[in-house]
Amino acid sequence: MATPSHTFIACPYCDAKVQAKVLAEKMYPASEECDPCKYSFVECTNCGSVLVGFSEWELGDYGDSGWGTPTRQWPEPDTQLHSNIPRPVRRSLEEAKRCMTSKAYMACAVMCGRAVEAICMDKTKSKTLADGLEKLKSAKIIDEKLFEWSEALRHERNIGAHAGDEITSRQDASDVLDFALAISEYVYVLDDKYRAYLERKPKKKA
């Protein structure tokens, strides 16, 4: 497979997503733990800084496929989403992160809402965000604090999804993205770790 001449990546020095020249790539085939992936050694065409990016092979919603947009591994690496988080949730979270980098703050909030909607559909089969969040709380999949965060996220999602005079600020978008990431980690990562911990511990005798 030919190495592409350019790609897009978030440059920490330019504080923006920039076009970067691909200098070298290293690809890895699929394994039991992960999908096909690659590391890219690139140069920002704006400031000349050298960056290292990481990409996964992604399947689109309509049968298309291809390499995802690289996330920065060095310097100042982007936070990687845990593999336990399902692909539909991860896809929306990654899109939200790209919107944040591009300063599309309302779009970021909308994609965060989409990510939590995907969690609701996965865990409760609910097709609406409000109903799904209530069911997540009732089933004790999320606690009261996470439910409050989710309600704040839903409010910001509605600002972006519906016409009106309200806007989503940079700080609001950053907070909502943090909420969406925290909820995803709690539901799919921390809960699994806690269950595994309980299974390892010997049961106390009555």
N, C-alpha and C. Protein backbone atom coordinates (compact mmCIF):
# COMPACT_ATOMS: atom_id res chain seq x y z
N MET A 1 0.85 -1.19 0.00
CA MET A 1 0.00 0.00 0.00
C MET A 1 0.89 1.24 0.00
N ALA A 2 0.64 2.14 -0.94
CA ALA A 2 1.49 3.33 -1.07
C ALA A 2 1.29 4.27 0.10
N THR A 3 2.36 4.88 0.53
CA THR A 3 2.28 5.85 1.62
C THR A 3 1.69 7.16 1.10
N PRO A 4 0.60 7.68 1.71
CA PRO A 4 0.04 8.95 1.25
C PRO A 4 1.02 10.08 1.46
N SER A 5 0.94 11.10 0.61
CA SER A 5 1.90 12.19 0.71
C SER A 5 1.57 13.15 1.84
N HIS A 6 0.27 13.30 2.16
CA HIS A 6 -0.13 14.23 3.21
C HIS A 6 -1.29 13.65 4.02
N THR A 7 -1.45 14.16 5.23
CA THR A 7 -2.58 13.80 6.07
C THR A 7 -2.91 15.01 6.93
N PHE A 8 -3.92 14.90 7.77
CA PHE A 8 -4.28 15.99 8.68
C PHE A 8 -4.10 15.51 10.11
N ILE A 9 -3.59 16.39 10.96
CA ILE A 9 -3.34 16.05 12.35
C ILE A 9 -3.36 17.33 13.18
N ALA A 10 -3.69 17.21 14.46
CA ALA A 10 -3.70 18.38 15.34
C ALA A 10 -2.27 18.72 15.75
N CYS A 11 -1.84 19.91 15.42
CA CYS A 11 -0.48 20.36 15.78
C CYS A 11 -0.56 21.18 17.07
N PRO A 12 0.16 20.79 18.13
CA PRO A 12 0.08 21.53 19.40
C PRO A 12 0.73 22.90 19.32
N TYR A 13 1.62 23.11 18.37
CA TYR A 13 2.31 24.39 18.25
C TYR A 13 1.47 25.40 17.47
N CYS A 14 0.71 24.91 16.50
CA CYS A 14 -0.18 25.79 15.72
C CYS A 14 -1.54 25.92 16.38
N ASP A 15 -1.83 25.03 17.37
CA ASP A 15 -3.12 25.00 18.05
C ASP A 15 -4.25 24.88 17.04
N ALA A 16 -4.08 23.97 16.08
CA ALA A 16 -5.09 23.77 15.03
C ALA A 16 -4.82 22.45 14.33
N LYS A 17 -5.84 21.97 13.63
CA LYS A 17 -5.63 20.80 12.78
C LYS A 17 -5.00 21.28 11.50
N VAL A 18 -3.89 20.68 11.13
CA VAL A 18 -3.11 21.17 10.00
C VAL A 18 -2.85 20.03 9.00
N GLN A 19 -2.47 20.44 7.80
CA GLN A 19 -2.00 19.47 6.82
C GLN A 19 -0.55 19.13 7.16
N ALA A 20 -0.23 17.85 7.11
CA ALA A 20 1.13 17.43 7.45
C ALA A 20 1.68 16.51 6.36
N LYS A 21 2.95 16.66 6.08
CA LYS A 21 3.61 15.82 5.10
C LYS A 21 4.02 14.50 5.77
N VAL A 22 3.63 13.37 5.16
CA VAL A 22 3.96 12.07 5.72
C VAL A 22 5.39 11.71 5.32
N LEU A 23 6.26 11.54 6.32
CA LEU A 23 7.67 11.20 6.06
C LEU A 23 7.89 9.69 6.06
N ALA A 24 7.16 8.98 6.94
CA ALA A 24 7.29 7.52 7.01
C ALA A 24 6.09 6.95 7.76
N GLU A 25 5.80 5.65 7.51
CA GLU A 25 4.70 4.98 8.20
C GLU A 25 5.09 3.56 8.57
N LYS A 26 4.51 3.06 9.65
CA LYS A 26 4.67 1.67 10.06
C LYS A 26 3.29 1.10 10.34
N MET A 27 2.87 0.07 9.58
CA MET A 27 1.55 -0.51 9.72
C MET A 27 1.61 -1.84 10.46
N TYR A 28 0.51 -2.14 11.19
CA TYR A 28 0.39 -3.40 11.92
C TYR A 28 -0.93 -4.07 11.54
N PRO A 29 -0.92 -5.38 11.27
CA PRO A 29 -2.16 -6.07 10.90
C PRO A 29 -3.08 -6.25 12.10
N ALA A 30 -4.31 -6.68 11.83
CA ALA A 30 -5.28 -6.92 12.90
C ALA A 30 -4.82 -8.06 13.79
N SER A 31 -5.19 -7.97 15.06
CA SER A 31 -4.90 -9.02 16.03
C SER A 31 -6.14 -9.25 16.87
N GLU A 32 -6.06 -10.15 17.83
CA GLU A 32 -7.20 -10.40 18.70
C GLU A 32 -7.50 -9.19 19.58
N GLU A 33 -6.50 -8.38 19.85
CA GLU A 33 -6.68 -7.24 20.73
C GLU A 33 -7.10 -5.96 20.02
N CYS A 34 -6.77 -5.82 18.74
CA CYS A 34 -7.05 -4.55 18.07
C CYS A 34 -7.22 -4.70 16.58
N ASP A 35 -7.79 -3.68 15.96
CA ASP A 35 -7.96 -3.62 14.51
C ASP A 35 -6.63 -3.23 13.86
N PRO A 36 -6.56 -3.31 12.51
CA PRO A 36 -5.33 -2.83 11.85
C PRO A 36 -5.03 -1.39 12.24
N CYS A 37 -3.76 -1.08 12.42
CA CYS A 37 -3.39 0.27 12.84
C CYS A 37 -2.06 0.64 12.22
N LYS A 38 -1.73 1.92 12.33
CA LYS A 38 -0.44 2.38 11.81
C LYS A 38 0.02 3.61 12.57
N TYR A 39 1.34 3.78 12.59
CA TYR A 39 1.96 4.98 13.14
C TYR A 39 2.54 5.78 11.97
N SER A 40 2.36 7.09 12.03
CA SER A 40 2.84 7.97 10.96
C SER A 40 3.81 9.00 11.52
N PHE A 41 4.93 9.16 10.85
CA PHE A 41 5.93 10.16 11.19
C PHE A 41 5.74 11.31 10.21
N VAL A 42 5.26 12.48 10.70
CA VAL A 42 4.83 13.54 9.80
C VAL A 42 5.47 14.87 10.17
N GLU A 43 5.40 15.80 9.21
CA GLU A 43 5.92 17.15 9.41
C GLU A 43 4.82 18.15 9.12
N CYS A 44 4.53 19.03 10.10
CA CYS A 44 3.52 20.07 9.92
C CYS A 44 3.96 21.02 8.80
N THR A 45 3.11 21.19 7.80
CA THR A 45 3.47 22.06 6.68
C THR A 45 3.33 23.54 7.03
N ASN A 46 2.77 23.83 8.20
CA ASN A 46 2.61 25.23 8.61
C ASN A 46 3.81 25.73 9.39
N CYS A 47 4.25 24.94 10.41
CA CYS A 47 5.35 25.41 11.26
C CYS A 47 6.61 24.55 11.15
N GLY A 48 6.51 23.41 10.45
CA GLY A 48 7.67 22.56 10.25
C GLY A 48 7.96 21.60 11.40
N SER A 49 7.09 21.55 12.40
CA SER A 49 7.31 20.65 13.54
C SER A 49 7.10 19.19 13.12
N VAL A 50 7.86 18.30 13.74
CA VAL A 50 7.72 16.87 13.49
C VAL A 50 6.77 16.28 14.53
N LEU A 51 5.83 15.43 14.06
CA LEU A 51 4.81 14.84 14.92
C LEU A 51 4.71 13.35 14.63
N VAL A 52 4.20 12.60 15.60
CA VAL A 52 3.92 11.18 15.40
C VAL A 52 2.42 10.96 15.62
N GLY A 53 1.77 10.36 14.62
CA GLY A 53 0.34 10.11 14.69
C GLY A 53 0.01 8.62 14.71
N PHE A 54 -1.18 8.30 15.18
CA PHE A 54 -1.65 6.92 15.24
C PHE A 54 -3.02 6.85 14.59
N SER A 55 -3.23 5.85 13.71
CA SER A 55 -4.52 5.69 13.02
C SER A 55 -4.97 4.25 13.09
N GLU A 56 -6.30 4.05 13.09
CA GLU A 56 -6.89 2.72 13.01
C GLU A 56 -7.67 2.59 11.71
N TRP A 57 -7.80 1.36 11.22
CA TRP A 57 -8.62 1.09 10.04
C TRP A 57 -10.08 1.10 10.46
N GLU A 58 -10.88 1.96 9.83
CA GLU A 58 -12.27 2.14 10.26
C GLU A 58 -13.24 1.69 9.18
N LEU A 59 -14.35 1.09 9.64
CA LEU A 59 -15.45 0.72 8.77
C LEU A 59 -16.52 1.79 8.87
N GLY A 60 -16.95 2.33 7.73
CA GLY A 60 -17.95 3.39 7.74
C GLY A 60 -19.36 2.85 7.90
N ASP A 61 -20.31 3.76 8.05
CA ASP A 61 -21.71 3.37 8.23
C ASP A 61 -22.32 2.80 6.96
N TYR A 62 -21.72 3.06 5.81
CA TYR A 62 -22.32 2.65 4.54
C TYR A 62 -21.44 1.65 3.79
N GLY A 63 -20.67 0.87 4.54
CA GLY A 63 -19.85 -0.16 3.92
C GLY A 63 -18.50 0.32 3.44
N ASP A 64 -18.23 1.62 3.54
CA ASP A 64 -16.92 2.12 3.12
C ASP A 64 -15.92 1.90 4.26
N SER A 65 -14.65 1.98 3.93
CA SER A 65 -13.62 1.76 4.93
C SER A 65 -12.38 2.56 4.56
N GLY A 66 -11.51 2.74 5.54
CA GLY A 66 -10.27 3.48 5.29
C GLY A 66 -9.60 3.85 6.60
N TRP A 67 -8.44 4.45 6.50
CA TRP A 67 -7.70 4.87 7.69
C TRP A 67 -8.36 6.09 8.31
N GLY A 68 -8.53 6.05 9.62
CA GLY A 68 -9.08 7.18 10.33
C GLY A 68 -8.07 8.32 10.43
N THR A 69 -8.56 9.49 10.79
CA THR A 69 -7.68 10.64 10.97
C THR A 69 -6.70 10.37 12.10
N PRO A 70 -5.41 10.61 11.90
CA PRO A 70 -4.43 10.30 12.95
C PRO A 70 -4.65 11.10 14.23
N THR A 71 -4.46 10.44 15.36
CA THR A 71 -4.41 11.14 16.64
C THR A 71 -2.95 11.29 17.03
N ARG A 72 -2.62 12.40 17.62
CA ARG A 72 -1.22 12.70 17.93
C ARG A 72 -0.72 11.85 19.09
N GLN A 73 0.41 11.18 18.89
CA GLN A 73 1.06 10.39 19.93
C GLN A 73 2.25 11.14 20.55
N TRP A 74 2.86 12.02 19.76
CA TRP A 74 4.00 12.80 20.23
C TRP A 74 4.13 14.03 19.36
N PRO A 75 4.44 15.20 19.95
CA PRO A 75 4.51 15.46 21.40
C PRO A 75 3.10 15.69 21.97
N GLU A 76 2.98 15.77 23.28
CA GLU A 76 1.71 16.02 23.95
C GLU A 76 0.62 15.12 23.38
N PRO A 77 0.71 13.82 23.64
CA PRO A 77 -0.22 12.88 23.00
C PRO A 77 -1.68 13.14 23.32
N ASP A 78 -2.53 12.93 22.29
CA ASP A 78 -3.97 12.97 22.50
C ASP A 78 -4.36 11.78 23.38
N THR A 79 -5.40 11.94 24.17
CA THR A 79 -5.90 10.84 25.00
C THR A 79 -6.54 9.78 24.11
N GLN A 80 -6.10 8.54 24.27
CA GLN A 80 -6.65 7.44 23.48
C GLN A 80 -7.88 6.86 24.17
N LEU A 81 -8.89 6.56 23.41
CA LEU A 81 -10.10 5.95 23.96
C LEU A 81 -9.89 4.47 24.17
N HIS A 82 -10.38 3.96 25.29
CA HIS A 82 -10.19 2.56 25.65
C HIS A 82 -10.90 1.65 24.65
N SER A 83 -10.27 0.52 24.35
CA SER A 83 -10.83 -0.42 23.36
C SER A 83 -12.13 -1.06 23.84
N ASN A 84 -12.42 -1.02 25.14
CA ASN A 84 -13.69 -1.56 25.64
C ASN A 84 -14.88 -0.71 25.23
N ILE A 85 -14.64 0.55 24.90
CA ILE A 85 -15.74 1.43 24.47
C ILE A 85 -16.16 1.01 23.07
N PRO A 86 -17.43 0.69 22.85
CA PRO A 86 -17.87 0.21 21.53
C PRO A 86 -17.58 1.19 20.41
N ARG A 87 -17.41 0.66 19.22
CA ARG A 87 -17.04 1.48 18.07
C ARG A 87 -18.01 2.64 17.81
N PRO A 88 -19.36 2.44 17.86
CA PRO A 88 -20.26 3.58 17.61
C PRO A 88 -20.05 4.72 18.60
N VAL A 89 -19.75 4.38 19.85
CA VAL A 89 -19.50 5.43 20.86
C VAL A 89 -18.16 6.09 20.58
N ARG A 90 -17.14 5.29 20.33
CA ARG A 90 -15.80 5.84 20.07
C ARG A 90 -15.80 6.74 18.84
N ARG A 91 -16.53 6.33 17.81
CA ARG A 91 -16.56 7.11 16.56
C ARG A 91 -17.10 8.52 16.83
N SER A 92 -18.17 8.62 17.62
CA SER A 92 -18.74 9.93 17.93
C SER A 92 -17.81 10.74 18.83
N LEU A 93 -17.16 10.08 19.79
CA LEU A 93 -16.23 10.79 20.66
C LEU A 93 -15.03 11.32 19.89
N GLU A 94 -14.52 10.53 18.97
CA GLU A 94 -13.39 10.98 18.14
C GLU A 94 -13.81 12.17 17.28
N GLU A 95 -15.03 12.10 16.74
CA GLU A 95 -15.53 13.22 15.94
C GLU A 95 -15.69 14.47 16.81
N ALA A 96 -16.16 14.27 18.06
CA ALA A 96 -16.29 15.40 18.97
C ALA A 96 -14.94 16.03 19.26
N LYS A 97 -13.91 15.21 19.44
CA LYS A 97 -12.57 15.73 19.69
C LYS A 97 -12.06 16.52 18.48
N ARG A 98 -12.37 16.02 17.27
CA ARG A 98 -11.95 16.75 16.07
C ARG A 98 -12.68 18.10 15.96
N CYS A 99 -13.97 18.11 16.31
CA CYS A 99 -14.73 19.36 16.30
C CYS A 99 -14.14 20.35 17.30
N MET A 100 -13.74 19.86 18.47
CA MET A 100 -13.15 20.73 19.49
C MET A 100 -11.86 21.34 18.97
N THR A 101 -11.03 20.53 18.34
CA THR A 101 -9.77 21.04 17.78
C THR A 101 -10.02 22.08 16.71
N SER A 102 -11.10 21.87 15.93
CA SER A 102 -11.43 22.79 14.84
C SER A 102 -12.22 24.00 15.31
N LYS A 103 -12.48 24.10 16.62
CA LYS A 103 -13.21 25.21 17.22
C LYS A 103 -14.67 25.24 16.79
N ALA A 104 -15.22 24.08 16.40
CA ALA A 104 -16.64 23.95 16.08
C ALA A 104 -17.34 23.47 17.35
N TYR A 105 -17.61 24.39 18.25
CA TYR A 105 -18.01 24.03 19.60
C TYR A 105 -19.43 23.45 19.68
N MET A 106 -20.36 24.01 18.93
CA MET A 106 -21.71 23.44 18.93
C MET A 106 -21.70 22.05 18.31
N ALA A 107 -20.91 21.87 17.26
CA ALA A 107 -20.81 20.55 16.63
C ALA A 107 -20.19 19.55 17.60
N CYS A 108 -19.23 20.00 18.40
CA CYS A 108 -18.62 19.14 19.42
C CYS A 108 -19.68 18.65 20.40
N ALA A 109 -20.54 19.57 20.87
CA ALA A 109 -21.59 19.20 21.82
C ALA A 109 -22.57 18.22 21.19
N VAL A 110 -22.90 18.43 19.93
CA VAL A 110 -23.83 17.52 19.23
C VAL A 110 -23.24 16.11 19.15
N MET A 111 -21.95 16.00 18.84
CA MET A 111 -21.33 14.68 18.73
C MET A 111 -21.19 14.02 20.10
N CYS A 112 -20.99 14.81 21.14
CA CYS A 112 -20.97 14.25 22.49
C CYS A 112 -22.34 13.66 22.83
N GLY A 113 -23.41 14.39 22.45
CA GLY A 113 -24.75 13.86 22.65
C GLY A 113 -24.98 12.59 21.88
N ARG A 114 -24.44 12.53 20.68
CA ARG A 114 -24.58 11.33 19.85
C ARG A 114 -23.86 10.15 20.51
N ALA A 115 -22.71 10.40 21.12
CA ALA A 115 -21.97 9.34 21.80
C ALA A 115 -22.78 8.77 22.96
N VAL A 116 -23.38 9.65 23.76
CA VAL A 116 -24.16 9.18 24.90
C VAL A 116 -25.45 8.51 24.43
N GLU A 117 -26.02 8.98 23.32
CA GLU A 117 -27.18 8.29 22.74
C GLU A 117 -26.81 6.85 22.38
N ALA A 118 -25.61 6.67 21.85
CA ALA A 118 -25.15 5.32 21.49
C ALA A 118 -25.01 4.44 22.73
N ILE A 119 -24.56 5.02 23.84
CA ILE A 119 -24.49 4.27 25.10
C ILE A 119 -25.89 3.85 25.53
N CYS A 120 -26.84 4.80 25.44
CA CYS A 120 -28.22 4.50 25.84
C CYS A 120 -28.80 3.38 24.99
N MET A 121 -28.57 3.42 23.70
CA MET A 121 -29.09 2.37 22.81
C MET A 121 -28.45 1.03 23.13
N ASP A 122 -27.16 1.05 23.43
CA ASP A 122 -26.44 -0.19 23.73
C ASP A 122 -26.92 -0.82 25.04
N LYS A 123 -27.11 0.01 26.05
CA LYS A 123 -27.41 -0.50 27.39
C LYS A 123 -28.90 -0.61 27.70
N THR A 124 -29.72 0.23 27.08
CA THR A 124 -31.15 0.24 27.43
C THR A 124 -32.08 0.06 26.24
N LYS A 125 -31.52 0.07 25.02
CA LYS A 125 -32.30 -0.03 23.78
C LYS A 125 -33.19 1.19 23.55
N SER A 126 -33.02 2.23 24.35
CA SER A 126 -33.82 3.44 24.20
C SER A 126 -33.34 4.24 23.00
N LYS A 127 -34.27 4.84 22.27
CA LYS A 127 -33.93 5.59 21.07
C LYS A 127 -33.89 7.10 21.31
N THR A 128 -34.21 7.55 22.51
CA THR A 128 -34.12 8.97 22.82
C THR A 128 -33.15 9.18 23.98
N LEU A 129 -32.46 10.30 23.95
CA LEU A 129 -31.44 10.56 24.95
C LEU A 129 -32.04 10.74 26.34
N ALA A 130 -33.14 11.49 26.43
CA ALA A 130 -33.74 11.74 27.74
C ALA A 130 -34.22 10.44 28.39
N ASP A 131 -34.94 9.63 27.63
CA ASP A 131 -35.45 8.36 28.16
C ASP A 131 -34.30 7.41 28.49
N GLY A 132 -33.31 7.39 27.63
CA GLY A 132 -32.17 6.51 27.85
C GLY A 132 -31.40 6.85 29.12
N LEU A 133 -31.21 8.14 29.38
CA LEU A 133 -30.50 8.55 30.59
C LEU A 133 -31.27 8.16 31.84
N GLU A 134 -32.58 8.34 31.81
CA GLU A 134 -33.40 7.92 32.95
C GLU A 134 -33.27 6.42 33.20
N LYS A 135 -33.25 5.64 32.13
CA LYS A 135 -33.13 4.19 32.27
C LYS A 135 -31.75 3.79 32.77
N LEU A 136 -30.71 4.50 32.32
CA LEU A 136 -29.36 4.22 32.81
C LEU A 136 -29.27 4.46 34.31
N LYS A 137 -29.92 5.54 34.77
CA LYS A 137 -29.92 5.85 36.20
C LYS A 137 -30.75 4.83 36.97
N SER A 138 -31.92 4.49 36.45
CA SER A 138 -32.80 3.53 37.14
C SER A 138 -32.14 2.16 37.27
N ALA A 139 -31.39 1.77 36.23
CA ALA A 139 -30.70 0.48 36.25
C ALA A 139 -29.38 0.54 37.02
N LYS A 140 -29.05 1.73 37.55
CA LYS A 140 -27.82 1.95 38.31
C LYS A 140 -26.56 1.69 37.48
N ILE A 141 -26.70 1.92 36.16
CA ILE A 141 -25.53 1.86 35.28
C ILE A 141 -24.72 3.15 35.45
N ILE A 142 -25.41 4.26 35.71
CA ILE A 142 -24.74 5.51 36.08
C ILE A 142 -25.33 5.98 37.40
N ASP A 143 -24.55 6.75 38.16
CA ASP A 143 -25.04 7.26 39.43
C ASP A 143 -25.65 8.65 39.26
N GLU A 144 -26.08 9.24 40.36
CA GLU A 144 -26.78 10.53 40.30
C GLU A 144 -25.88 11.63 39.74
N LYS A 145 -24.61 11.63 40.11
CA LYS A 145 -23.70 12.67 39.62
C LYS A 145 -23.52 12.56 38.10
N LEU A 146 -23.31 11.35 37.60
CA LEU A 146 -23.16 11.17 36.16
C LEU A 146 -24.45 11.52 35.43
N PHE A 147 -25.58 11.26 36.07
CA PHE A 147 -26.86 11.63 35.46
C PHE A 147 -26.95 13.15 35.33
N GLU A 148 -26.52 13.87 36.34
CA GLU A 148 -26.52 15.34 36.28
C GLU A 148 -25.61 15.83 35.16
N TRP A 149 -24.44 15.22 35.04
CA TRP A 149 -23.53 15.58 33.95
C TRP A 149 -24.21 15.34 32.60
N SER A 150 -24.89 14.20 32.51
CA SER A 150 -25.55 13.84 31.25
C SER A 150 -26.64 14.83 30.88
N GLU A 151 -27.34 15.33 31.90
CA GLU A 151 -28.38 16.32 31.64
C GLU A 151 -27.77 17.62 31.12
N ALA A 152 -26.62 18.01 31.68
CA ALA A 152 -25.93 19.20 31.18
C ALA A 152 -25.49 18.98 29.74
N LEU A 153 -24.99 17.79 29.46
CA LEU A 153 -24.57 17.45 28.11
C LEU A 153 -25.76 17.51 27.15
N ARG A 154 -26.89 16.99 27.60
CA ARG A 154 -28.10 16.98 26.75
C ARG A 154 -28.54 18.40 26.43
N HIS A 155 -28.42 19.31 27.42
CA HIS A 155 -28.78 20.71 27.20
C HIS A 155 -27.90 21.33 26.11
N GLU A 156 -26.59 21.12 26.20
CA GLU A 156 -25.67 21.69 25.20
C GLU A 156 -25.88 21.04 23.83
N ARG A 157 -26.20 19.73 23.82
CA ARG A 157 -26.48 19.06 22.55
C ARG A 157 -27.69 19.70 21.88
N ASN A 158 -28.71 20.02 22.66
CA ASN A 158 -29.92 20.62 22.09
C ASN A 158 -29.66 22.02 21.53
N ILE A 159 -28.73 22.76 22.15
CA ILE A 159 -28.37 24.08 21.62
C ILE A 159 -27.81 23.94 20.20
N GLY A 160 -26.96 22.95 20.01
CA GLY A 160 -26.35 22.76 18.70
C GLY A 160 -27.28 22.12 17.69
N ALA A 161 -28.21 21.30 18.17
CA ALA A 161 -29.06 20.54 17.26
C ALA A 161 -30.28 21.31 16.79
N HIS A 162 -30.66 22.37 17.52
CA HIS A 162 -31.88 23.11 17.18
C HIS A 162 -31.57 24.58 16.95
N ALA A 163 -32.30 25.19 16.01
CA ALA A 163 -32.09 26.60 15.69
C ALA A 163 -32.47 27.47 16.89
N GLY A 164 -31.67 28.49 17.14
CA GLY A 164 -31.94 29.39 18.26
C GLY A 164 -30.81 30.38 18.42
N ASP A 165 -30.94 31.24 19.43
CA ASP A 165 -29.95 32.30 19.65
C ASP A 165 -28.81 31.87 20.57
N GLU A 166 -29.00 30.79 21.33
CA GLU A 166 -27.96 30.35 22.25
C GLU A 166 -26.77 29.77 21.50
N ILE A 167 -25.61 29.90 22.08
CA ILE A 167 -24.40 29.32 21.50
C ILE A 167 -23.70 28.46 22.55
N THR A 168 -22.82 27.61 22.09
CA THR A 168 -21.99 26.81 22.98
C THR A 168 -20.60 27.42 23.01
N SER A 169 -20.15 27.83 24.16
CA SER A 169 -18.83 28.45 24.28
C SER A 169 -17.74 27.39 24.24
N ARG A 170 -16.51 27.85 24.12
CA ARG A 170 -15.38 26.93 24.12
C ARG A 170 -15.33 26.15 25.43
N GLN A 171 -15.53 26.86 26.56
CA GLN A 171 -15.47 26.19 27.85
C GLN A 171 -16.61 25.19 28.01
N ASP A 172 -17.80 25.56 27.54
CA ASP A 172 -18.93 24.63 27.62
C ASP A 172 -18.64 23.37 26.81
N ALA A 173 -18.11 23.54 25.60
CA ALA A 173 -17.80 22.39 24.75
C ALA A 173 -16.73 21.51 25.39
N SER A 174 -15.72 22.15 25.99
CA SER A 174 -14.66 21.39 26.65
C SER A 174 -15.21 20.59 27.82
N ASP A 175 -16.10 21.22 28.60
CA ASP A 175 -16.70 20.52 29.74
C ASP A 175 -17.57 19.35 29.28
N VAL A 176 -18.37 19.59 28.26
CA VAL A 176 -19.27 18.55 27.75
C VAL A 176 -18.47 17.37 27.20
N LEU A 177 -17.36 17.67 26.52
CA LEU A 177 -16.51 16.59 26.01
C LEU A 177 -15.92 15.79 27.17
N ASP A 178 -15.50 16.48 28.22
CA ASP A 178 -14.99 15.79 29.41
C ASP A 178 -16.08 14.90 30.02
N PHE A 179 -17.32 15.43 30.08
CA PHE A 179 -18.42 14.64 30.62
C PHE A 179 -18.64 13.38 29.80
N ALA A 180 -18.69 13.53 28.48
CA ALA A 180 -18.95 12.38 27.60
C ALA A 180 -17.85 11.33 27.74
N LEU A 181 -16.60 11.78 27.83
CA LEU A 181 -15.49 10.84 28.00
C LEU A 181 -15.58 10.14 29.35
N ALA A 182 -15.93 10.90 30.39
CA ALA A 182 -16.02 10.32 31.73
C ALA A 182 -17.14 9.29 31.81
N ILE A 183 -18.29 9.60 31.22
CA ILE A 183 -19.42 8.67 31.23
C ILE A 183 -19.06 7.39 30.49
N SER A 184 -18.41 7.52 29.34
CA SER A 184 -18.02 6.36 28.55
C SER A 184 -17.03 5.48 29.32
N GLU A 185 -16.04 6.13 29.94
CA GLU A 185 -15.06 5.38 30.73
C GLU A 185 -15.73 4.68 31.90
N TYR A 186 -16.66 5.35 32.55
CA TYR A 186 -17.33 4.77 33.72
C TYR A 186 -18.14 3.55 33.33
N VAL A 187 -18.92 3.68 32.25
CA VAL A 187 -19.84 2.60 31.85
C VAL A 187 -19.09 1.39 31.31
N TYR A 188 -18.05 1.63 30.48
CA TYR A 188 -17.43 0.52 29.76
C TYR A 188 -16.07 0.08 30.30
N VAL A 189 -15.43 0.91 31.10
CA VAL A 189 -14.08 0.57 31.55
C VAL A 189 -14.04 0.35 33.06
N LEU A 190 -14.39 1.37 33.84
CA LEU A 190 -14.30 1.26 35.29
C LEU A 190 -15.24 0.20 35.85
N ASP A 191 -16.44 0.11 35.31
CA ASP A 191 -17.40 -0.89 35.80
C ASP A 191 -16.88 -2.30 35.54
N ASP A 192 -16.31 -2.51 34.34
CA ASP A 192 -15.75 -3.83 34.02
C ASP A 192 -14.58 -4.16 34.96
N LYS A 193 -13.73 -3.16 35.25
CA LYS A 193 -12.59 -3.39 36.13
C LYS A 193 -13.06 -3.73 37.54
N TYR A 194 -14.11 -3.05 37.98
CA TYR A 194 -14.62 -3.32 39.32
C TYR A 194 -15.22 -4.72 39.42
N ARG A 195 -15.95 -5.14 38.38
CA ARG A 195 -16.53 -6.49 38.36
C ARG A 195 -15.42 -7.54 38.36
N ALA A 196 -14.35 -7.28 37.59
CA ALA A 196 -13.23 -8.21 37.55
C ALA A 196 -12.55 -8.29 38.91
N TYR A 197 -12.46 -7.16 39.59
CA TYR A 197 -11.88 -7.12 40.93
C TYR A 197 -12.70 -7.97 41.89
N LEU A 198 -14.01 -7.83 41.85
CA LEU A 198 -14.88 -8.60 42.74
C LEU A 198 -14.78 -10.10 42.47
N GLU A 199 -14.64 -10.45 41.20
CA GLU A 199 -14.53 -11.87 40.84
C GLU A 199 -13.22 -12.47 41.34
N ARG A 200 -12.17 -11.65 41.45
CA ARG A 200 -10.88 -12.15 41.92
C ARG A 200 -10.85 -12.33 43.43
N LYS A 201 -11.66 -11.55 44.13
CA LYS A 201 -11.62 -11.59 45.58
C LYS A 201 -12.38 -12.81 46.11
N PRO A 202 -11.86 -13.50 47.09
CA PRO A 202 -12.59 -14.63 47.68
C PRO A 202 -13.85 -14.14 48.39
N LYS A 203 -14.92 -14.89 48.22
CA LYS A 203 -16.17 -14.50 48.84
C LYS A 203 -16.10 -14.74 50.36
N LYS A 204 -16.61 -13.76 51.11
CA LYS A 204 -16.59 -13.87 52.57
C LYS A 204 -17.66 -14.86 53.02
N LYS A 205 -17.29 -15.65 54.01
CA LYS A 205 -18.26 -16.59 54.57
C LYS A 205 -19.25 -15.85 55.47
N ALA A 206 -20.50 -16.28 55.42
CA ALA A 206 -21.54 -15.64 56.22
C ALA A 206 -21.29 -15.90 57.70
